[in-house]
Structure formats: C-alpha cells, structure tokens
Amino acid sequence: MILEGRTLAAQIRQSLPARAEAVCQKLGRPIKLCAIGSTEDYGAYVYLKKEVEAAQKLGVETQIFEVDAQTPAEQFLNLVQKLSSDPNTDAILIPRPLPQHLAATDFADRLAPQKDIDGMSNINMGNLFLCKTWPEVQALKGFASCTAMAVIRLLEFHQVPLEGAEAAVIGRSCNVGRPLAHLLTCKNATVKICHTKTDLPRALKEADVICSAAGAPGLIDAQWLRRGATLVDISTNWRENRLCGDANPAELEKCGISYSPVPGGVGPVTLAVLLENIILSGERKLKENK
C-alpha cells in the first residue's frame, strides 16, 4: 500500500476558505500570519515562501521577516517578543533551521503559545508532553508540531493500526522526532526512538510502523524491515537532481512494505495542517474576545 497524502490534504483544506472568511468578517480584518525565516538555508526558505503563498490564497495576510548569520540575537528576540504581543498578529511561524546563534537563544520562551502554530514554544511543547491519551491531545488549547500531527493523520487516514503496535521513530529533533514519538504513545503504540548511535537493523526488525525523519537518503535498507510493516518517510532530500526520502520505494515494494512517497506523502498533509492551524489561531482569538 502507498500512503499518498494528497487526498487527505485536499480533504483538510476543503473547509478552510469558508472558515477563513468567517473569521475575517468577525474580526473585521484578515487573519495575519508572520513568519521569521532564515535566508541561509535555501531549501527551507523556498518552502516557507510556498507556505506563505498557500496562506495568502486563503485570504490570510502575511509578512516574512528575514534573518541570517549577521542578525543580532537581541534583534531576533525582540522581534519574537513584538510579534507575540502584537494584537493584530494571529499566527507566528519560525521554521528551522535557524542560524546557530539564533537557535541557541531562549526565543521559544518568548513565543506566545496561542500564536505558535507549529508547536515549538516551551509552553506548547510542555503541554503536549503532559498528555497521556489521545483525547488529551485533542483537548490541547495550543498547538503541536504540524509534521508530527500530519504523520498521525496520514496513518489514521490509511487505517494503519497504532494501538498496541510496535513503532520506531528515526530522529530525535524537538520539532519532529520527539513530538511524533509522544503522539504515537498517546495513540497507545509502544515507541522506540532511534538516532545516530542506534543499531538500526536490530531496532527496526520487529517494528510494525517506522517513521523516518533522519534526512539521510538511502539510510534505510528495506531488508531490515519485516514484511507487512509500514514506513512513513518524513524526510525530503535532494539526490541526483530529484527529491527523495530516506528509503528506496522500489526496494520497499519488493519486500512487501507499505510506505509514504516522497514527494506526495507527508508533505502535502503537513502543509494542510499548518494552514488549518493558521485558521484555528484566528478562530480561537474570536473565542477569547467574547
């Protein structure tokens, strides 16, 4: 089975224009998204612009603030603080990677959780990790990682069983790997987090569901996985002039492994979840203002 994501993404996005218009009418202005992006990672910055363009098509007002290795840390922190306190800014997006000196700051402490649509603030991250069950995740007042949530929704859409499943997450980043591992535990899967020091052939051989966010093309050998397993390939790598994930789809098919394609798998769903969170930030502001 191929876990394509475009059908699910279209379903998620179907109601967003009407929801955005309803919020705009009640607020008396468009929902506003502000993004802070590093111009030093070309791929990430191009993807950010695509996210912003997609939001604009929903009628969302957008503004991108550019940072680089020369941006003073204090200037960056002041910007995060300013946007967090600005009543006319509804959603804030700060995609990684950031220049190292900016990533090392305490900006996540200054990011307003109700505007933090990708779940990277300390408050949103902490509240997520306090959840034990899926209903608790659904009741969160803040946001969780868009990519992590997209993986769960993709697995649910394709009816991949999670309760009681053995799951392995490759990657331990705070924006994908760790929140995804926790969401899987809230779905009652038993989760193993794998990283650069993990013996992958041994760690993956009994897994029912494998989620790879290593960003390493060719990392996963299909022979390591058991027949009937499901691989969610989260990575978007550029290799030999084409986009690819961490595994070879042809080899996965030969071994009887279901997988999400790259592109066309997790990516479209992540964008749809991000757009949904932008609209949700506006809807929640309306409730706060009542």
C-alpha atoms as a PDB file:
ATOM      1  CA  MET A   1       0.000   0.000   0.000  1.00  0.00           C
ATOM      2  CA  ILE A   2       1.176   3.504  -0.837  1.00  0.00           C
ATOM      3  CA  LEU A   3       0.237   6.078   1.797  1.00  0.00           C
ATOM      4  CA  GLU A   4      -0.292   9.026  -0.514  1.00  0.00           C
ATOM      5  CA  GLY A   5      -1.113  12.310   1.204  1.00  0.00           C
ATOM      6  CA  ARG A   6      -2.692  14.485  -1.468  1.00  0.00           C
ATOM      7  CA  THR A   7      -6.227  13.140  -0.997  1.00  0.00           C
ATOM      8  CA  LEU A   8      -6.146  13.718   2.761  1.00  0.00           C
ATOM      9  CA  ALA A   9      -4.597  17.163   2.296  1.00  0.00           C
ATOM     10  CA  ALA A  10      -7.401  18.141  -0.075  1.00  0.00           C
ATOM     11  CA  GLN A  11      -9.989  16.999   2.472  1.00  0.00           C
ATOM     12  CA  ILE A  12      -8.381  19.061   5.233  1.00  0.00           C
ATOM     13  CA  ARG A  13      -8.132  22.147   3.029  1.00  0.00           C
ATOM     14  CA  GLN A  14     -11.660  21.929   1.646  1.00  0.00           C
ATOM     15  CA  SER A  15     -13.317  23.828   4.513  1.00  0.00           C
ATOM     16  CA  LEU A  16     -10.509  26.323   5.147  1.00  0.00           C
ATOM     17  CA  PRO A  17     -11.530  29.136   2.734  1.00  0.00           C
ATOM     18  CA  ALA A  18     -15.018  29.391   4.272  1.00  0.00           C
ATOM     19  CA  ARG A  19     -13.598  29.243   7.802  1.00  0.00           C
ATOM     20  CA  ALA A  20     -11.049  31.944   6.971  1.00  0.00           C
ATOM     21  CA  GLU A  21     -13.746  34.177   5.512  1.00  0.00           C
ATOM     22  CA  ALA A  22     -15.944  33.722   8.592  1.00  0.00           C
ATOM     23  CA  VAL A  23     -13.082  34.725  10.902  1.00  0.00           C
ATOM     24  CA  CYS A  24     -12.236  37.716   8.702  1.00  0.00           C
ATOM     25  CA  GLN A  25     -15.802  39.013   8.872  1.00  0.00           C
ATOM     26  CA  LYS A  26     -15.979  38.684  12.652  1.00  0.00           C
ATOM     27  CA  LEU A  27     -12.522  40.130  13.294  1.00  0.00           C
ATOM     28  CA  GLY A  28     -13.071  42.956  10.820  1.00  0.00           C
ATOM     29  CA  ARG A  29      -9.740  42.148   9.171  1.00  0.00           C
ATOM     30  CA  PRO A  30      -7.888  39.180   7.642  1.00  0.00           C
ATOM     31  CA  ILE A  31      -6.113  36.640   9.820  1.00  0.00           C
ATOM     32  CA  LYS A  32      -2.456  37.667   9.934  1.00  0.00           C
ATOM     33  CA  LEU A  33       0.488  35.273   9.737  1.00  0.00           C
ATOM     34  CA  CYS A  34       4.027  36.480  10.489  1.00  0.00           C
ATOM     35  CA  ALA A  35       6.967  34.227   9.637  1.00  0.00           C
ATOM     36  CA  ILE A  36      10.615  34.570  10.610  1.00  0.00           C
ATOM     37  CA  GLY A  37      12.790  32.671   8.136  1.00  0.00           C
ATOM     38  CA  SER A  38      16.492  32.141   7.644  1.00  0.00           C
ATOM     39  CA  THR A  39      17.735  33.037   4.163  1.00  0.00           C
ATOM     40  CA  GLU A  40      20.817  30.874   4.688  1.00  0.00           C
ATOM     41  CA  ASP A  41      19.009  27.570   4.110  1.00  0.00           C
ATOM     42  CA  TYR A  42      17.789  27.903   0.525  1.00  0.00           C
ATOM     43  CA  GLY A  43      15.502  24.876   0.551  1.00  0.00           C
ATOM     44  CA  ALA A  44      13.810  25.771   3.831  1.00  0.00           C
ATOM     45  CA  TYR A  45      13.336  29.386   2.769  1.00  0.00           C
ATOM     46  CA  VAL A  46      11.794  28.415  -0.572  1.00  0.00           C
ATOM     47  CA  TYR A  47       9.414  26.058   1.246  1.00  0.00           C
ATOM     48  CA  LEU A  48       8.499  28.837   3.692  1.00  0.00           C
ATOM     49  CA  LYS A  49       7.567  31.089   0.768  1.00  0.00           C
ATOM     50  CA  LYS A  50       5.347  28.314  -0.608  1.00  0.00           C
ATOM     51  CA  GLU A  51       3.632  28.015   2.779  1.00  0.00           C
ATOM     52  CA  VAL A  52       3.084  31.772   2.857  1.00  0.00           C
ATOM     53  CA  GLU A  53       1.700  31.775  -0.696  1.00  0.00           C
ATOM     54  CA  ALA A  54      -0.708  28.975   0.219  1.00  0.00           C
ATOM     55  CA  ALA A  55      -1.906  31.008   3.206  1.00  0.00           C
ATOM     56  CA  GLN A  56      -2.390  34.077   1.015  1.00  0.00           C
ATOM     57  CA  LYS A  57      -4.704  32.083  -1.258  1.00  0.00           C
ATOM     58  CA  LEU A  58      -6.958  31.579   1.766  1.00  0.00           C
ATOM     59  CA  GLY A  59      -7.142  35.339   2.272  1.00  0.00           C
ATOM     60  CA  VAL A  60      -4.577  35.375   5.092  1.00  0.00           C
ATOM     61  CA  GLU A  61      -2.432  38.481   5.405  1.00  0.00           C
ATOM     62  CA  THR A  62       1.238  37.502   5.571  1.00  0.00           C
ATOM     63  CA  GLN A  63       4.606  39.024   6.357  1.00  0.00           C
ATOM     64  CA  ILE A  64       8.052  37.408   6.254  1.00  0.00           C
ATOM     65  CA  PHE A  65      10.939  38.682   8.376  1.00  0.00           C
ATOM     66  CA  GLU A  66      14.343  37.518   7.157  1.00  0.00           C
ATOM     67  CA  VAL A  67      17.238  36.579   9.447  1.00  0.00           C
ATOM     68  CA  ASP A  68      20.750  35.332   8.759  1.00  0.00           C
ATOM     69  CA  ALA A  69      24.120  34.782  10.423  1.00  0.00           C
ATOM     70  CA  GLN A  70      24.569  38.554  10.790  1.00  0.00           C
ATOM     71  CA  THR A  71      21.263  39.148  12.576  1.00  0.00           C
ATOM     72  CA  PRO A  72      21.953  40.146  16.207  1.00  0.00           C
ATOM     73  CA  ALA A  73      20.410  37.753  18.698  1.00  0.00           C
ATOM     74  CA  GLU A  74      18.798  40.599  20.619  1.00  0.00           C
ATOM     75  CA  GLN A  75      17.151  41.891  17.444  1.00  0.00           C
ATOM     76  CA  PHE A  76      15.731  38.437  16.756  1.00  0.00           C
ATOM     77  CA  LEU A  77      14.429  38.054  20.319  1.00  0.00           C
ATOM     78  CA  ASN A  78      12.864  41.498  20.263  1.00  0.00           C
ATOM     79  CA  LEU A  79      11.093  40.612  17.020  1.00  0.00           C
ATOM     80  CA  VAL A  80       9.662  37.410  18.501  1.00  0.00           C
ATOM     81  CA  GLN A  81       8.526  39.352  21.568  1.00  0.00           C
ATOM     82  CA  LYS A  82       6.980  42.116  19.453  1.00  0.00           C
ATOM     83  CA  LEU A  83       5.005  39.716  17.252  1.00  0.00           C
ATOM     84  CA  SER A  84       3.871  37.710  20.271  1.00  0.00           C
ATOM     85  CA  SER A  85       2.422  40.807  21.913  1.00  0.00           C
ATOM     86  CA  ASP A  86       1.025  42.397  18.726  1.00  0.00           C
ATOM     87  CA  PRO A  87      -2.802  42.134  18.866  1.00  0.00           C
ATOM     88  CA  ASN A  88      -3.007  42.175  15.058  1.00  0.00           C
ATOM     89  CA  THR A  89      -0.689  39.176  14.627  1.00  0.00           C
ATOM     90  CA  ASP A  90      -2.652  35.958  14.964  1.00  0.00           C
ATOM     91  CA  ALA A  91      -0.155  33.275  13.917  1.00  0.00           C
ATOM     92  CA  ILE A  92       3.643  33.036  14.077  1.00  0.00           C
ATOM     93  CA  LEU A  93       5.822  30.578  12.161  1.00  0.00           C
ATOM     94  CA  ILE A  94       9.574  30.211  12.787  1.00  0.00           C
ATOM     95  CA  PRO A  95      10.790  27.291  10.659  1.00  0.00           C
ATOM     96  CA  ARG A  96      14.040  25.550  11.388  1.00  0.00           C
ATOM     97  CA  PRO A  97      16.911  25.519  10.745  1.00  0.00           C
ATOM     98  CA  LEU A  98      17.852  28.898  12.180  1.00  0.00           C
ATOM     99  CA  PRO A  99      21.379  30.319  12.250  1.00  0.00           C
ATOM    100  CA  GLN A 100      23.134  28.622  15.147  1.00  0.00           C
ATOM    101  CA  HIS A 101      23.441  31.717  17.340  1.00  0.00           C
ATOM    102  CA  LEU A 102      19.696  32.410  16.993  1.00  0.00           C
ATOM    103  CA  ALA A 103      18.675  28.802  17.570  1.00  0.00           C
ATOM    104  CA  ALA A 104      20.662  28.889  20.837  1.00  0.00           C
ATOM    105  CA  THR A 105      18.587  31.759  22.252  1.00  0.00           C
ATOM    106  CA  ASP A 106      15.540  31.376  24.506  1.00  0.00           C
ATOM    107  CA  PHE A 107      13.164  32.525  21.741  1.00  0.00           C
ATOM    108  CA  ALA A 108      10.797  29.604  22.453  1.00  0.00           C
ATOM    109  CA  ASP A 109      10.186  31.152  25.885  1.00  0.00           C
ATOM    110  CA  ARG A 110       9.058  34.393  24.254  1.00  0.00           C
ATOM    111  CA  LEU A 111       6.787  32.839  21.637  1.00  0.00           C
ATOM    112  CA  ALA A 112       3.107  33.260  22.509  1.00  0.00           C
ATOM    113  CA  PRO A 113       1.644  29.716  22.647  1.00  0.00           C
ATOM    114  CA  GLN A 114      -1.718  30.759  21.178  1.00  0.00           C
ATOM    115  CA  LYS A 115       0.097  32.070  18.076  1.00  0.00           C
ATOM    116  CA  ASP A 116       2.692  29.325  17.866  1.00  0.00           C
ATOM    117  CA  ILE A 117       1.096  27.313  15.040  1.00  0.00           C
ATOM    118  CA  ASP A 118       3.940  24.762  14.797  1.00  0.00           C
ATOM    119  CA  GLY A 119       4.053  23.858  18.498  1.00  0.00           C
ATOM    120  CA  MET A 120       7.639  24.911  19.172  1.00  0.00           C
ATOM    121  CA  SER A 121       7.140  27.185  22.186  1.00  0.00           C
ATOM    122  CA  ASN A 122       8.125  25.793  25.567  1.00  0.00           C
ATOM    123  CA  ILE A 123       4.553  26.046  26.801  1.00  0.00           C
ATOM    124  CA  ASN A 124       3.066  24.179  23.832  1.00  0.00           C
ATOM    125  CA  MET A 125       5.794  21.565  23.916  1.00  0.00           C
ATOM    126  CA  GLY A 126       5.394  21.102  27.670  1.00  0.00           C
ATOM    127  CA  ASN A 127       1.615  20.821  27.475  1.00  0.00           C
ATOM    128  CA  LEU A 128       1.929  18.217  24.721  1.00  0.00           C
ATOM    129  CA  PHE A 129       4.263  16.080  26.812  1.00  0.00           C
ATOM    130  CA  LEU A 130       1.867  16.276  29.752  1.00  0.00           C
ATOM    131  CA  CYS A 131      -0.725  14.457  27.627  1.00  0.00           C
ATOM    132  CA  LYS A 132      -1.107  10.746  28.206  1.00  0.00           C
ATOM    133  CA  THR A 133      -4.062   9.908  25.956  1.00  0.00           C
ATOM    134  CA  TRP A 134      -5.287  10.996  22.527  1.00  0.00           C
ATOM    135  CA  PRO A 135      -8.375  12.785  23.898  1.00  0.00           C
ATOM    136  CA  GLU A 136      -5.992  14.905  25.987  1.00  0.00           C
ATOM    137  CA  VAL A 137      -4.035  15.769  22.828  1.00  0.00           C
ATOM    138  CA  GLN A 138      -7.256  16.745  21.068  1.00  0.00           C
ATOM    139  CA  ALA A 139      -8.207  18.974  24.010  1.00  0.00           C
ATOM    140  CA  LEU A 140      -4.958  20.973  23.880  1.00  0.00           C
ATOM    141  CA  LYS A 141      -5.531  24.719  23.772  1.00  0.00           C
ATOM    142  CA  GLY A 142      -2.238  25.259  21.979  1.00  0.00           C
ATOM    143  CA  PHE A 143      -0.627  23.544  19.010  1.00  0.00           C
ATOM    144  CA  ALA A 144       1.605  20.553  18.330  1.00  0.00           C
ATOM    145  CA  SER A 145       4.201  20.050  15.595  1.00  0.00           C
ATOM    146  CA  CYS A 146       2.479  20.213  12.193  1.00  0.00           C
ATOM    147  CA  THR A 147       4.689  17.478  10.752  1.00  0.00           C
ATOM    148  CA  ALA A 148       4.155  15.156  13.707  1.00  0.00           C
ATOM    149  CA  MET A 149       0.391  15.662  13.564  1.00  0.00           C
ATOM    150  CA  ALA A 150       0.449  15.143   9.789  1.00  0.00           C
ATOM    151  CA  VAL A 151       2.085  11.743  10.248  1.00  0.00           C
ATOM    152  CA  ILE A 152      -0.591  10.634  12.707  1.00  0.00           C
ATOM    153  CA  ARG A 153      -3.391  11.853  10.456  1.00  0.00           C
ATOM    154  CA  LEU A 154      -1.860  10.138   7.431  1.00  0.00           C
ATOM    155  CA  LEU A 155      -1.626   6.847   9.317  1.00  0.00           C
ATOM    156  CA  GLU A 156      -5.225   7.196  10.512  1.00  0.00           C
ATOM    157  CA  PHE A 157      -6.444   8.074   7.015  1.00  0.00           C
ATOM    158  CA  HIS A 158      -4.915   4.903   5.598  1.00  0.00           C
ATOM    159  CA  GLN A 159      -6.225   2.889   8.569  1.00  0.00           C
ATOM    160  CA  VAL A 160      -2.823   1.759   9.799  1.00  0.00           C
ATOM    161  CA  PRO A 161      -3.355   0.243  13.274  1.00  0.00           C
ATOM    162  CA  LEU A 162      -1.478   2.089  16.027  1.00  0.00           C
ATOM    163  CA  GLU A 163      -2.979   0.762  19.264  1.00  0.00           C
ATOM    164  CA  GLY A 164      -0.680  -1.975  20.525  1.00  0.00           C
ATOM    165  CA  ALA A 165       1.685  -1.539  17.575  1.00  0.00           C
ATOM    166  CA  GLU A 166       5.476  -1.568  17.861  1.00  0.00           C
ATOM    167  CA  ALA A 167       6.667   1.754  16.448  1.00  0.00           C
ATOM    168  CA  ALA A 168      10.118   3.158  15.734  1.00  0.00           C
ATOM    169  CA  VAL A 169      10.882   6.826  15.144  1.00  0.00           C
ATOM    170  CA  ILE A 170      14.199   7.628  13.478  1.00  0.00           C
ATOM    171  CA  GLY A 171      15.255  11.107  14.565  1.00  0.00           C
ATOM    172  CA  ARG A 172      15.022  12.864  17.923  1.00  0.00           C
ATOM    173  CA  SER A 173      14.586  16.521  16.925  1.00  0.00           C
ATOM    174  CA  CYS A 174      12.330  18.676  19.065  1.00  0.00           C
ATOM    175  CA  ASN A 175      10.247  19.723  16.052  1.00  0.00           C
ATOM    176  CA  VAL A 176       9.535  16.250  14.574  1.00  0.00           C
ATOM    177  CA  GLY A 177      11.050  13.151  16.182  1.00  0.00           C
ATOM    178  CA  ARG A 178      10.298  13.660  19.851  1.00  0.00           C
ATOM    179  CA  PRO A 179       6.781  15.117  19.495  1.00  0.00           C
ATOM    180  CA  LEU A 180       5.897  12.390  16.981  1.00  0.00           C
ATOM    181  CA  ALA A 181       7.128   9.672  19.339  1.00  0.00           C
ATOM    182  CA  HIS A 182       4.969  11.108  22.101  1.00  0.00           C
ATOM    183  CA  LEU A 183       1.885  11.367  19.878  1.00  0.00           C
ATOM    184  CA  LEU A 184       2.343   7.708  18.971  1.00  0.00           C
ATOM    185  CA  THR A 185       2.411   6.771  22.662  1.00  0.00           C
ATOM    186  CA  CYS A 186      -0.810   8.742  23.115  1.00  0.00           C
ATOM    187  CA  LYS A 187      -2.206   6.500  20.377  1.00  0.00           C
ATOM    188  CA  ASN A 188      -1.179   3.527  22.568  1.00  0.00           C
ATOM    189  CA  ALA A 189       1.719   2.407  20.416  1.00  0.00           C
ATOM    190  CA  THR A 190       4.946   1.215  22.037  1.00  0.00           C
ATOM    191  CA  VAL A 191       7.650   3.516  20.712  1.00  0.00           C
ATOM    192  CA  LYS A 192      11.368   3.222  20.228  1.00  0.00           C
ATOM    193  CA  ILE A 193      13.321   6.417  19.418  1.00  0.00           C
ATOM    194  CA  CYS A 194      16.311   5.796  17.155  1.00  0.00           C
ATOM    195  CA  HIS A 195      19.274   8.105  16.500  1.00  0.00           C
ATOM    196  CA  THR A 196      22.825   8.114  15.168  1.00  0.00           C
ATOM    197  CA  LYS A 197      24.055   5.646  17.801  1.00  0.00           C
ATOM    198  CA  THR A 198      21.202   3.163  17.286  1.00  0.00           C
ATOM    199  CA  ASP A 199      21.777  -0.243  15.697  1.00  0.00           C
ATOM    200  CA  LEU A 200      19.027   0.258  13.110  1.00  0.00           C
ATOM    201  CA  PRO A 201      18.870  -3.273  11.643  1.00  0.00           C
ATOM    202  CA  ARG A 202      18.238  -4.653  15.120  1.00  0.00           C
ATOM    203  CA  ALA A 203      15.942  -1.813  16.226  1.00  0.00           C
ATOM    204  CA  LEU A 204      13.667  -1.945  13.192  1.00  0.00           C
ATOM    205  CA  LYS A 205      13.280  -5.671  12.572  1.00  0.00           C
ATOM    206  CA  GLU A 206      10.238  -6.095  14.862  1.00  0.00           C
ATOM    207  CA  ALA A 207       8.622  -2.701  14.200  1.00  0.00           C
ATOM    208  CA  ASP A 208       5.106  -2.542  12.757  1.00  0.00           C
ATOM    209  CA  VAL A 209       5.358   1.193  11.984  1.00  0.00           C
ATOM    210  CA  ILE A 210       8.571   3.056  11.189  1.00  0.00           C
ATOM    211  CA  CYS A 211       8.674   6.854  10.911  1.00  0.00           C
ATOM    212  CA  SER A 212      11.921   8.173   9.448  1.00  0.00           C
ATOM    213  CA  ALA A 213      12.963  11.808   9.824  1.00  0.00           C
ATOM    214  CA  ALA A 214      16.722  11.328   9.546  1.00  0.00           C
ATOM    215  CA  GLY A 215      17.236  13.379   6.393  1.00  0.00           C
ATOM    216  CA  ALA A 216      19.647  10.781   5.026  1.00  0.00           C
ATOM    217  CA  PRO A 217      18.858   9.402   1.554  1.00  0.00           C
ATOM    218  CA  GLY A 218      19.451   5.683   1.288  1.00  0.00           C
ATOM    219  CA  LEU A 219      19.672   5.280   5.066  1.00  0.00           C
ATOM    220  CA  ILE A 220      17.034   2.568   5.398  1.00  0.00           C
ATOM    221  CA  ASP A 221      17.625  -0.841   3.876  1.00  0.00           C
ATOM    222  CA  ALA A 222      14.307  -2.497   3.079  1.00  0.00           C
ATOM    223  CA  GLN A 223      15.820  -5.816   4.161  1.00  0.00           C
ATOM    224  CA  TRP A 224      15.910  -4.507   7.737  1.00  0.00           C
ATOM    225  CA  LEU A 225      12.107  -4.300   7.863  1.00  0.00           C
ATOM    226  CA  ARG A 226       9.676  -7.133   8.264  1.00  0.00           C
ATOM    227  CA  ARG A 227       7.164  -7.898   5.509  1.00  0.00           C
ATOM    228  CA  GLY A 228       3.881  -6.139   6.202  1.00  0.00           C
ATOM    229  CA  ALA A 229       5.462  -3.213   8.059  1.00  0.00           C
ATOM    230  CA  THR A 230       4.589   0.409   7.278  1.00  0.00           C
ATOM    231  CA  LEU A 231       7.228   3.089   6.668  1.00  0.00           C
ATOM    232  CA  VAL A 232       6.329   6.770   6.884  1.00  0.00           C
ATOM    233  CA  ASP A 233       9.133   8.622   5.121  1.00  0.00           C
ATOM    234  CA  ILE A 234       9.138  12.147   6.518  1.00  0.00           C
ATOM    235  CA  SER A 235      12.433  13.368   5.078  1.00  0.00           C
ATOM    236  CA  THR A 236      12.711  15.470   1.941  1.00  0.00           C
ATOM    237  CA  ASN A 237      16.191  15.046   0.497  1.00  0.00           C
ATOM    238  CA  TRP A 238      17.717  16.185  -2.783  1.00  0.00           C
ATOM    239  CA  ARG A 239      19.694  13.451  -4.502  1.00  0.00           C
ATOM    240  CA  GLU A 240      20.722  13.034  -8.138  1.00  0.00           C
ATOM    241  CA  ASN A 241      18.577  16.018  -9.164  1.00  0.00           C
ATOM    242  CA  ARG A 242      15.375  14.684  -7.613  1.00  0.00           C
ATOM    243  CA  LEU A 243      13.505  14.691  -4.316  1.00  0.00           C
ATOM    244  CA  CYS A 244      13.681  11.529  -2.262  1.00  0.00           C
ATOM    245  CA  GLY A 245      13.188  10.244   1.265  1.00  0.00           C
ATOM    246  CA  ASP A 246      15.338   8.047   3.491  1.00  0.00           C
ATOM    247  CA  ALA A 247      14.371   4.797   1.734  1.00  0.00           C
ATOM    248  CA  ASN A 248      14.146   3.407  -1.809  1.00  0.00           C
ATOM    249  CA  PRO A 249      10.465   2.907  -2.770  1.00  0.00           C
ATOM    250  CA  ALA A 250      11.249   0.186  -5.321  1.00  0.00           C
ATOM    251  CA  GLU A 251      13.069  -1.873  -2.688  1.00  0.00           C
ATOM    252  CA  LEU A 252      10.249  -1.351  -0.194  1.00  0.00           C
ATOM    253  CA  GLU A 253       7.702  -2.662  -2.693  1.00  0.00           C
ATOM    254  CA  LYS A 254       9.826  -5.732  -3.398  1.00  0.00           C
ATOM    255  CA  CYS A 255       9.856  -6.503   0.342  1.00  0.00           C
ATOM    256  CA  GLY A 256       6.106  -6.059   0.817  1.00  0.00           C
ATOM    257  CA  ILE A 257       6.352  -2.863   2.861  1.00  0.00           C
ATOM    258  CA  SER A 258       3.722  -0.111   2.783  1.00  0.00           C
ATOM    259  CA  TYR A 259       5.227   3.366   2.544  1.00  0.00           C
ATOM    260  CA  SER A 260       4.542   7.055   2.070  1.00  0.00           C
ATOM    261  CA  PRO A 261       6.076   8.501  -1.112  1.00  0.00           C
ATOM    262  CA  VAL A 262       8.426  11.476  -1.325  1.00  0.00           C
ATOM    263  CA  PRO A 263       7.099  13.767  -2.639  1.00  0.00           C
ATOM    264  CA  GLY A 264       3.357  13.340  -2.250  1.00  0.00           C
ATOM    265  CA  GLY A 265       3.150  11.702   1.166  1.00  0.00           C
ATOM    266  CA  VAL A 266       3.646  13.559   4.439  1.00  0.00           C
ATOM    267  CA  GLY A 267       4.481  16.899   2.779  1.00  0.00           C
ATOM    268  CA  PRO A 268       1.017  17.864   1.458  1.00  0.00           C
ATOM    269  CA  VAL A 269      -0.591  16.859   4.745  1.00  0.00           C
ATOM    270  CA  THR A 270       1.894  18.914   6.762  1.00  0.00           C
ATOM    271  CA  LEU A 271       1.062  21.993   4.692  1.00  0.00           C
ATOM    272  CA  ALA A 272      -2.665  21.366   5.115  1.00  0.00           C
ATOM    273  CA  VAL A 273      -2.284  21.011   8.894  1.00  0.00           C
ATOM    274  CA  LEU A 274      -0.246  24.227   9.001  1.00  0.00           C
ATOM    275  CA  LEU A 275      -2.935  26.118   7.077  1.00  0.00           C
ATOM    276  CA  GLU A 276      -5.603  24.655   9.346  1.00  0.00           C
ATOM    277  CA  ASN A 277      -3.660  25.857  12.395  1.00  0.00           C
ATOM    278  CA  ILE A 278      -3.461  29.383  10.964  1.00  0.00           C
ATOM    279  CA  ILE A 279      -7.244  29.479  10.648  1.00  0.00           C
ATOM    280  CA  LEU A 280      -7.619  27.890  14.086  1.00  0.00           C
ATOM    281  CA  SER A 281      -5.479  30.637  15.623  1.00  0.00           C
ATOM    282  CA  GLY A 282      -7.981  33.195  14.317  1.00  0.00           C
ATOM    283  CA  GLU A 283     -10.989  31.184  15.490  1.00  0.00           C
ATOM    284  CA  ARG A 284      -9.526  30.897  18.969  1.00  0.00           C
ATOM    285  CA  LYS A 285      -8.925  34.642  19.095  1.00  0.00           C
ATOM    286  CA  LEU A 286     -12.617  35.188  18.433  1.00  0.00           C
ATOM    287  CA  LYS A 287     -13.489  32.961  21.399  1.00  0.00           C
ATOM    288  CA  GLU A 288     -11.040  34.849  23.623  1.00  0.00           C
ATOM    289  CA  ASN A 289     -12.617  38.175  22.612  1.00  0.00           C
ATOM    290  CA  LYS A 290     -16.154  37.108  23.531  1.00  0.00           C
END
